[in-house]
Amino acid sequence: MNRKALGRGLGALLGSDQTVSTGPDTLEIDVDLIDPGSMQPRTRFEDEPLERLAESIKEHGIVQPILVRRRGERYELVAGERRWRAAQKAGLTRIPAVVRDVPDKDLLEIALTENIQREDLNPIEEAHAYKNLIETVGLTQEAVASKFGRDRSYITNYLRLLRLPEDVQRLVEEGRLSTGHARTVLGVPHPDQQRRLTQQILEKELSVRATEALVKKFLGETPRANQAKQVSDDPNVRAAETKLRRALGTQVKINQSSSDGSGKIEITFFNNRDLDRIYQLLTRSTQ
């Protein structure tokens, strides 16, 4: 299936010919007068690719100008931050740039389009970019999806990644936790639970399918073969479950018979360390 064109990108601003020209639109600007883009979705620039680009620039020069807009006596990057950073590594003091009057409402869209086209963004950066488009530009999820040739569910799933604790998000940024694993981790409700599940994934090198099974087990969704007694729906019991979950930082299930009030409390733990943590919480008042 052919994907839709991704936004406008630089083509709309530079025209079809995006190579360096000697026309009035292309200037040689001091690299020290250029500031990073205020809405640049990309926050991580790996050293090795930048070094390779710097070596290429030393040999071939800047093949395509960067795009900037004026900010008083200085310039702000609109697109081409990798080239700007690599040019500095290559020892260049000036860089060819096209100057355009780009309004704020278009700045993020252009930067995001270029990064997506080059597949330069990690999942968390991409999620933040979609979030900024929605909050800053005022687009709906449907509009963002249409603009970048995505399904709405794709946008929704990426936005959900931002609900993860920041330390788990960093693992996604670094490529240590896949987006499939990250979406599955969101199946457990509390940040501490998500961290412990993530630790299990990394330590045991769990597949996404194995992680999904672990989440179902954690949430008590596995069928019970011998569940003969009917479980009470007493709101007081459900409230007690909620308080216990918050106190213990894990899933707690109270199974109580509606006939005679008997039952059991199930407390979920991931590993021996988690069991010891819960044990310490439960026995703290007796020590």
Protein backbone atom coordinates (compact mmCIF):
# COMPACT_ATOMS: atom_id res chain seq x y z
CA MET A 1 0.00 0.00 0.00
CA ASN A 2 1.45 3.36 -1.00
CA ARG A 3 1.88 5.82 1.80
CA LYS A 4 0.57 9.35 1.45
CA ALA A 5 3.04 12.17 0.97
CA LEU A 6 4.46 13.28 4.29
CA GLY A 7 3.45 16.90 4.81
CA ARG A 8 5.08 19.65 2.82
CA GLY A 9 8.70 19.27 3.90
CA LEU A 10 11.50 21.31 2.37
CA GLY A 11 10.25 20.84 -1.16
CA ALA A 12 7.56 23.45 -0.65
CA LEU A 13 10.12 25.94 0.65
CA LEU A 14 13.19 25.19 -1.47
CA GLY A 15 11.44 24.14 -4.66
CA SER A 16 12.32 20.99 -6.58
CA ASP A 17 16.02 21.83 -6.77
CA GLN A 18 17.41 21.46 -3.25
CA THR A 19 21.11 21.67 -4.10
CA VAL A 20 23.33 24.61 -3.22
CA SER A 21 22.97 27.47 -5.66
CA THR A 22 24.55 30.89 -6.02
CA GLY A 23 21.17 32.61 -6.13
CA PRO A 24 20.05 35.35 -3.76
CA ASP A 25 18.24 32.89 -1.48
CA THR A 26 21.43 31.06 -0.47
CA LEU A 27 23.75 32.75 2.00
CA GLU A 28 27.00 31.76 3.67
CA ILE A 29 26.26 32.16 7.39
CA ASP A 30 28.64 31.89 10.34
CA VAL A 31 27.87 28.65 12.16
CA ASP A 32 28.12 30.54 15.47
CA LEU A 33 25.21 32.78 14.48
CA ILE A 34 22.84 29.81 14.12
CA ASP A 35 20.76 28.43 17.00
CA PRO A 36 19.08 25.00 17.14
CA GLY A 37 15.42 24.90 16.20
CA SER A 38 13.08 25.64 19.09
CA MET A 39 10.68 22.95 17.85
CA GLN A 40 13.20 20.38 16.65
CA PRO A 41 11.65 16.99 17.48
CA ARG A 42 15.00 15.24 17.48
CA THR A 43 16.88 15.43 20.78
CA ARG A 44 19.52 12.69 20.38
CA PHE A 45 22.37 12.96 17.88
CA GLU A 46 24.64 9.91 17.87
CA ASP A 47 28.35 10.69 17.61
CA GLU A 48 29.30 8.02 15.07
CA PRO A 49 26.85 9.07 12.31
CA LEU A 50 27.82 12.71 12.88
CA GLU A 51 31.50 11.83 12.51
CA ARG A 52 30.78 10.02 9.23
CA LEU A 53 28.83 13.01 7.94
CA ALA A 54 31.63 15.35 9.03
CA GLU A 55 34.15 13.28 7.04
CA SER A 56 31.85 13.44 4.01
CA ILE A 57 31.58 17.21 4.38
CA LYS A 58 35.37 17.51 4.53
CA GLU A 59 35.62 15.62 1.24
CA HIS A 60 32.57 16.86 -0.68
CA GLY A 61 31.41 19.99 1.13
CA ILE A 62 27.77 20.76 1.96
CA VAL A 63 25.68 19.25 -0.85
CA GLN A 64 22.35 20.67 0.37
CA PRO A 65 21.93 23.96 2.24
CA ILE A 66 20.34 24.08 5.63
CA LEU A 67 17.10 26.01 6.11
CA VAL A 68 16.95 28.85 8.64
CA ARG A 69 14.76 31.77 9.62
CA ARG A 70 15.91 35.14 10.95
CA ARG A 71 15.73 35.88 14.66
CA GLY A 72 16.99 39.43 15.13
CA GLU A 73 20.73 39.41 14.45
CA ARG A 74 20.83 35.61 14.60
CA TYR A 75 19.26 32.67 12.77
CA GLU A 76 17.18 29.72 13.94
CA LEU A 77 17.44 26.32 12.29
CA VAL A 78 14.32 25.05 10.57
CA ALA A 79 15.88 21.95 8.98
CA GLY A 80 19.38 20.55 8.66
CA GLU A 81 20.60 20.36 12.26
CA ARG A 82 22.70 17.24 11.55
CA ARG A 83 24.48 19.06 8.72
CA TRP A 84 25.04 22.11 10.94
CA ARG A 85 26.49 20.00 13.77
CA ALA A 86 28.62 17.92 11.38
CA ALA A 87 29.89 21.07 9.65
CA GLN A 88 31.21 22.30 12.99
CA LYS A 89 32.88 18.94 13.61
CA ALA A 90 34.45 19.24 10.15
CA GLY A 91 35.91 22.62 11.13
CA LEU A 92 33.72 24.80 8.90
CA THR A 93 33.13 28.33 10.16
CA ARG A 94 30.45 29.18 7.58
CA ILE A 95 27.67 27.09 6.08
CA PRO A 96 25.36 27.59 3.06
CA ALA A 97 21.81 28.30 4.16
CA VAL A 98 18.48 29.23 2.64
CA VAL A 99 16.68 31.92 4.63
CA ARG A 100 12.90 31.76 4.71
CA ASP A 101 10.22 33.48 6.78
CA VAL A 102 8.71 30.38 8.38
CA PRO A 103 5.82 30.99 10.82
CA ASP A 104 5.76 29.12 14.12
CA LYS A 105 2.73 27.09 13.08
CA ASP A 106 4.70 25.57 10.18
CA LEU A 107 8.04 25.13 11.96
CA LEU A 108 7.29 21.89 13.79
CA GLU A 109 5.50 20.34 10.81
CA ILE A 110 8.48 20.97 8.52
CA ALA A 111 11.05 19.67 11.01
CA LEU A 112 8.95 16.60 11.80
CA THR A 113 8.34 15.84 8.13
CA GLU A 114 12.04 15.88 7.30
CA ASN A 115 12.95 13.65 10.24
CA ILE A 116 10.20 11.12 9.50
CA GLN A 117 11.15 10.99 5.83
CA ARG A 118 14.74 10.21 6.84
CA GLU A 119 13.63 7.91 9.69
CA ASP A 120 15.84 9.94 12.04
CA LEU A 121 13.53 9.99 15.07
CA ASN A 122 13.41 7.41 17.82
CA PRO A 123 9.87 6.44 18.98
CA ILE A 124 9.83 8.79 21.98
CA GLU A 125 10.99 11.76 19.90
CA GLU A 126 8.33 10.96 17.32
CA ALA A 127 5.69 10.71 20.06
CA HIS A 128 6.69 14.10 21.49
CA ALA A 129 6.55 15.61 18.00
CA TYR A 130 2.98 14.38 17.47
CA LYS A 131 2.05 15.67 20.93
CA ASN A 132 3.50 19.10 20.12
CA LEU A 133 1.60 19.25 16.84
CA ILE A 134 -1.63 18.54 18.71
CA GLU A 135 -0.98 20.93 21.59
CA THR A 136 0.94 23.72 19.81
CA VAL A 137 -0.59 23.76 16.34
CA GLY A 138 -4.03 22.59 17.47
CA LEU A 139 -4.30 19.57 15.18
CA THR A 140 -6.48 16.59 16.05
CA GLN A 141 -5.09 13.06 16.06
CA GLU A 142 -7.02 12.44 12.84
CA ALA A 143 -5.43 15.50 11.21
CA VAL A 144 -1.93 14.45 12.28
CA ALA A 145 -2.52 10.94 10.96
CA SER A 146 -3.77 12.27 7.63
CA LYS A 147 -0.90 14.76 7.30
CA PHE A 148 1.78 12.10 7.71
CA GLY A 149 0.08 9.20 5.98
CA ARG A 150 -0.50 7.23 9.17
CA ASP A 151 -3.49 5.46 10.66
CA ARG A 152 -5.01 7.19 13.67
CA SER A 153 -4.22 4.10 15.77
CA TYR A 154 -0.53 4.57 14.91
CA ILE A 155 -0.59 8.12 16.31
CA THR A 156 -2.56 7.02 19.38
CA ASN A 157 -0.14 4.19 20.15
CA TYR A 158 2.86 6.51 19.92
CA LEU A 159 1.23 9.12 22.17
CA ARG A 160 0.56 6.40 24.75
CA LEU A 161 4.32 5.80 25.03
CA LEU A 162 4.58 9.16 26.81
CA ARG A 163 2.57 7.71 29.71
CA LEU A 164 5.51 5.48 30.61
CA PRO A 165 7.87 6.54 33.43
CA GLU A 166 10.74 8.65 32.12
CA ASP A 167 13.36 6.00 32.90
CA VAL A 168 11.40 3.45 30.84
CA GLN A 169 11.02 6.02 28.04
CA ARG A 170 14.81 6.40 28.01
CA LEU A 171 15.17 2.67 27.38
CA VAL A 172 12.90 3.05 24.34
CA GLU A 173 14.96 6.05 23.16
CA GLU A 174 18.15 4.03 23.49
CA GLY A 175 16.67 1.10 21.58
CA ARG A 176 16.95 -1.27 24.55
CA LEU A 177 13.17 -1.66 24.80
CA SER A 178 11.13 -2.09 21.61
CA THR A 179 7.91 -0.18 20.97
CA GLY A 180 6.05 -3.51 21.03
CA HIS A 181 7.37 -4.26 24.50
CA ALA A 182 6.69 -0.69 25.63
CA ARG A 183 3.05 -0.82 24.53
CA THR A 184 2.65 -4.10 26.39
CA VAL A 185 4.19 -2.64 29.56
CA LEU A 186 1.45 0.00 29.48
CA GLY A 187 -0.99 -2.84 30.19
CA VAL A 188 -0.10 -2.70 33.89
CA PRO A 189 -1.52 0.34 35.66
CA HIS A 190 1.15 1.78 37.97
CA PRO A 191 4.62 3.22 37.19
CA ASP A 192 6.40 1.01 39.74
CA GLN A 193 4.76 -2.06 38.23
CA GLN A 194 5.79 -0.90 34.75
CA ARG A 195 9.39 -0.50 35.92
CA ARG A 196 9.47 -3.98 37.45
CA LEU A 197 7.93 -5.53 34.35
CA THR A 198 10.49 -3.73 32.17
CA GLN A 199 13.27 -5.11 34.36
CA GLN A 200 11.88 -8.61 33.84
CA ILE A 201 11.81 -8.09 30.07
CA LEU A 202 15.45 -7.01 29.98
CA GLU A 203 16.78 -9.58 32.45
CA LYS A 204 14.99 -12.55 30.86
CA GLU A 205 15.05 -11.21 27.28
CA LEU A 206 11.31 -11.84 26.99
CA SER A 207 9.57 -11.70 23.63
CA VAL A 208 6.55 -9.43 23.16
CA ARG A 209 4.27 -12.47 23.26
CA ALA A 210 5.82 -13.72 26.50
CA THR A 211 5.46 -10.22 27.95
CA GLU A 212 1.79 -10.13 26.99
CA ALA A 213 1.25 -13.46 28.77
CA LEU A 214 3.02 -12.12 31.86
CA VAL A 215 0.82 -9.01 31.87
CA LYS A 216 -2.33 -11.14 31.62
CA LYS A 217 -1.14 -13.26 34.51
CA PHE A 218 -0.30 -10.15 36.49
CA LEU A 219 -3.76 -8.70 35.93
CA GLY A 220 -5.42 -11.95 36.90
CA GLU A 221 -6.88 -12.57 33.45
CA THR A 222 -5.87 -16.23 33.24
CA PRO A 223 -8.85 -18.58 33.62
CA ARG A 224 -9.27 -20.39 36.93
CA ALA A 225 -10.32 -23.99 36.46
CA ASN A 226 -11.66 -24.54 39.97
CA GLN A 227 -13.37 -21.25 40.73
CA ALA A 228 -16.49 -22.81 42.19
CA LYS A 229 -17.57 -20.01 44.46
CA GLN A 230 -19.25 -16.91 43.14
CA VAL A 231 -17.15 -13.79 43.77
CA SER A 232 -18.78 -10.91 45.59
CA ASP A 233 -19.16 -7.54 43.86
CA ASP A 234 -19.35 -5.73 47.19
CA PRO A 235 -18.10 -2.14 46.61
CA ASN A 236 -16.37 -2.27 50.00
CA VAL A 237 -14.31 -5.24 48.79
CA ARG A 238 -13.39 -3.43 45.59
CA ALA A 239 -12.40 -0.34 47.62
CA ALA A 240 -10.23 -2.54 49.84
CA GLU A 241 -8.52 -3.93 46.72
CA THR A 242 -7.72 -0.41 45.55
CA LYS A 243 -6.21 0.56 48.91
CA LEU A 244 -4.11 -2.60 49.02
CA ARG A 245 -2.84 -2.04 45.46
CA ARG A 246 -1.74 1.46 46.35
CA ALA A 247 -0.13 0.37 49.61
CA LEU A 248 1.76 -2.57 48.09
CA GLY A 249 2.44 -1.13 44.64
CA THR A 250 1.21 -4.26 42.89
CA GLN A 251 -1.92 -6.01 41.71
CA VAL A 252 -4.16 -7.29 44.53
CA LYS A 253 -7.30 -9.37 44.05
CA ILE A 254 -9.81 -10.19 46.78
CA ASN A 255 -11.93 -13.23 45.94
CA GLN A 256 -14.82 -13.45 48.37
CA SER A 257 -17.82 -15.74 48.25
CA SER A 258 -21.12 -13.91 48.13
CA SER A 259 -22.74 -16.75 50.09
CA ASP A 260 -20.69 -17.11 53.29
CA GLY A 261 -18.10 -14.31 53.04
CA SER A 262 -15.10 -16.65 52.90
CA GLY A 263 -12.38 -16.16 50.31
CA LYS A 264 -8.74 -15.35 49.68
CA ILE A 265 -6.46 -12.42 48.86
CA GLU A 266 -4.14 -12.79 45.87
CA ILE A 267 -1.03 -10.57 45.72
CA THR A 268 0.95 -10.59 42.49
CA PHE A 269 4.76 -10.35 42.40
CA PHE A 270 7.25 -10.57 39.53
CA ASN A 271 10.32 -12.14 41.11
CA ASN A 272 12.08 -12.93 44.41
CA ARG A 273 13.15 -9.33 44.87
CA ASP A 274 9.58 -8.14 44.40
CA LEU A 275 8.34 -10.79 46.83
CA ASP A 276 10.86 -9.63 49.43
CA ARG A 277 9.75 -6.01 48.93
CA ILE A 278 6.10 -6.93 49.52
CA TYR A 279 7.04 -9.09 52.52
CA GLN A 280 8.88 -6.16 54.11
CA LEU A 281 5.84 -3.93 53.61
CA LEU A 282 3.47 -6.49 55.12
CA THR A 283 5.63 -7.26 58.16
CA ARG A 284 6.89 -3.73 58.85
CA SER A 285 4.50 -3.15 61.77
CA THR A 286 5.52 -6.41 63.47
CA GLN A 287 9.28 -5.78 63.38
